[in-house]
Protein backbone atom coordinates (compact mmCIF):
# COMPACT_ATOMS: atom_id res chain seq x y z
CA UNK A 1 0.00 0.00 0.00
CA UNK A 2 2.91 2.34 0.66
CA UNK A 3 4.18 1.94 -2.90
CA UNK A 4 0.87 3.23 -4.28
CA UNK A 5 1.09 6.36 -2.14
CA UNK A 6 4.44 7.12 -3.70
CA UNK A 7 3.79 5.92 -7.26
CA UNK A 8 0.48 7.72 -7.87
CA UNK A 9 1.83 11.26 -7.20
CA UNK A 10 4.97 10.53 -9.22
CA UNK A 11 2.91 9.29 -12.18
CA UNK A 12 0.63 12.34 -11.97
CA UNK A 13 3.62 14.70 -11.88
CA UNK A 14 5.22 12.95 -14.86
CA UNK A 15 1.96 13.16 -16.83
CA UNK A 16 1.62 16.87 -16.09
CA UNK A 17 5.21 17.49 -17.17
CA UNK A 18 4.67 15.52 -20.38
CA UNK A 19 1.46 17.41 -21.19
CA UNK A 20 3.11 20.80 -20.62
CA UNK A 21 6.13 19.68 -22.64
CA UNK A 22 3.92 18.70 -25.57
CA UNK A 23 2.08 22.04 -25.39
CA UNK A 24 5.34 24.00 -25.34
CA UNK A 25 6.69 21.97 -28.25
CA UNK A 26 3.52 22.69 -30.25
CA UNK A 27 3.71 26.41 -29.46
CA UNK A 28 7.31 26.59 -30.61
CA UNK A 29 6.72 24.69 -33.85
CA UNK A 30 3.39 26.25 -34.85
CA UNK A 31 4.46 28.28 -37.84
CA UNK A 32 6.08 31.66 -37.98
CA UNK A 33 5.11 34.12 -35.25
CA UNK A 34 6.76 37.02 -37.04
CA UNK A 35 3.50 37.72 -38.89
CA UNK A 36 1.91 38.59 -35.54
CA UNK A 37 4.60 41.14 -34.75
CA UNK A 38 4.07 44.48 -36.42
CA UNK A 39 7.10 45.54 -38.39
CA UNK A 40 7.91 49.24 -38.21
CA UNK A 41 9.79 49.13 -41.49
CA UNK A 42 6.58 48.34 -43.38
CA UNK A 43 5.16 51.71 -42.35
CA UNK A 44 8.22 53.65 -43.41
CA UNK A 45 8.45 55.12 -46.86
CA UNK A 46 11.05 53.66 -49.23
CA UNK A 47 14.00 55.91 -50.01
CA UNK A 48 14.40 56.38 -53.78
CA UNK A 49 17.63 55.44 -55.51
CA UNK A 50 20.18 58.21 -55.89
CA UNK A 51 20.63 59.52 -59.41
CA UNK A 52 22.67 62.67 -58.79
CA UNK A 53 19.73 64.85 -59.77
CA UNK A 54 19.06 67.69 -57.31
CA UNK A 55 15.32 66.98 -57.27
CA UNK A 56 15.94 63.33 -56.43
CA UNK A 57 18.30 64.32 -53.63
CA UNK A 58 15.71 66.66 -52.14
CA UNK A 59 13.03 63.96 -52.45
CA UNK A 60 15.32 61.50 -50.66
CA UNK A 61 15.94 64.01 -47.86
CA UNK A 62 12.21 64.68 -47.48
CA UNK A 63 11.45 60.96 -47.45
CA UNK A 64 14.12 60.42 -44.80
CA UNK A 65 12.61 63.28 -42.80
CA UNK A 66 9.14 61.69 -43.05
CA UNK A 67 10.57 58.38 -41.85
CA UNK A 68 12.21 60.10 -38.90
CA UNK A 69 8.92 61.81 -38.07
CA UNK A 70 7.13 58.43 -38.06
CA UNK A 71 9.75 57.02 -35.68
CA UNK A 72 9.57 60.05 -33.41
CA UNK A 73 5.78 59.79 -33.21
CA UNK A 74 6.06 56.12 -32.27
CA UNK A 75 8.63 56.94 -29.59
CA UNK A 76 6.38 59.67 -28.19
CA UNK A 77 3.45 57.25 -28.07
CA UNK A 78 5.63 54.71 -26.24
CA UNK A 79 6.74 57.34 -23.73
CA UNK A 80 3.14 58.39 -23.11
CA UNK A 81 2.13 54.78 -22.57
CA UNK A 82 4.98 54.17 -20.13
CA UNK A 83 4.16 57.37 -18.25
CA UNK A 84 0.49 56.42 -17.97
CA UNK A 85 1.38 52.93 -16.77
CA UNK A 86 3.82 54.35 -14.22
CA UNK A 87 1.17 56.73 -12.88
CA UNK A 88 -1.39 53.93 -12.60
CA UNK A 89 1.11 51.74 -10.76
CA UNK A 90 1.89 54.58 -8.35
CA UNK A 91 -1.83 55.19 -7.78
CA UNK A 92 -2.38 51.50 -7.17
CA UNK A 93 0.34 51.43 -4.53
CA UNK A 94 -1.20 54.18 -2.44
CA UNK A 95 -3.18 53.14 0.58
CA UNK A 96 -6.87 53.89 0.96
CA UNK A 97 -7.66 57.02 2.95
CA UNK A 98 -11.34 57.31 3.85
CA UNK A 99 -11.00 61.05 4.54
CA UNK A 100 -10.20 61.80 0.90
CA UNK A 101 -13.72 61.03 -0.32
């Protein structure tokens, strides 16, 4: 009877480990996850090839400037998100004061 008390939990633990291992293996091998990740370079405008023409150079500079503006806007949005999260975390950490309401 003592063997059953030891064997049953060990078998259950092994089964749980095997099931989680199979799930992890399936998650790793289920196709390419890069399609789920948004690529910033797809939003950026392509820089035209240089030809030596002044108009093409100015167009390339303006395109580069537009790309930089896109990146700066994304950075600003990230900063705003981090700031909002930080403020919410700080508010969450404060204790309840019944005299404030």
